[in-house]
């Protein structure tokens, strides 16, 4: 189960809508070992694609150094789907490399950049196996 604040969900959704029609991506960090997402870190989709996201390798290295120096873990790794449901694609599953992270997807397919309905789902992805989990918004 993922427990996440309404404010972090709002930040994630705003990022997804801002980057639409390209996929948005980022990380929500938390204290190491806590499983509590606290710090929103939007990233640039280096692929600049509506069907694929990719963290820039330099930005990713900088992020992991920052997480280490702050004694944080990547609790949530998020991205958006702009024209499909909020479910990991084969590529998403293949690139999932953080076994303790919550992989959160938001779909902006219905409203794009506008307010309105969206789909938000969370998954654990370990060794290619996808398991959906409950999200509790606090």
Foldseek 3Di string as FASTA:
>chain_A
DQEAAPVLVVVQVLQQLVLPVAKWWFFFKDAAPPLYGDRTGTADQPVSHNADGDGDPVVVVVVVVVCVVVNIDRQEIEMEHEADAFDDDQVNLVPDDDQNHKYKYKYCPPPRNDDDDIDIWIWGRDPSDTDTDDYHYD
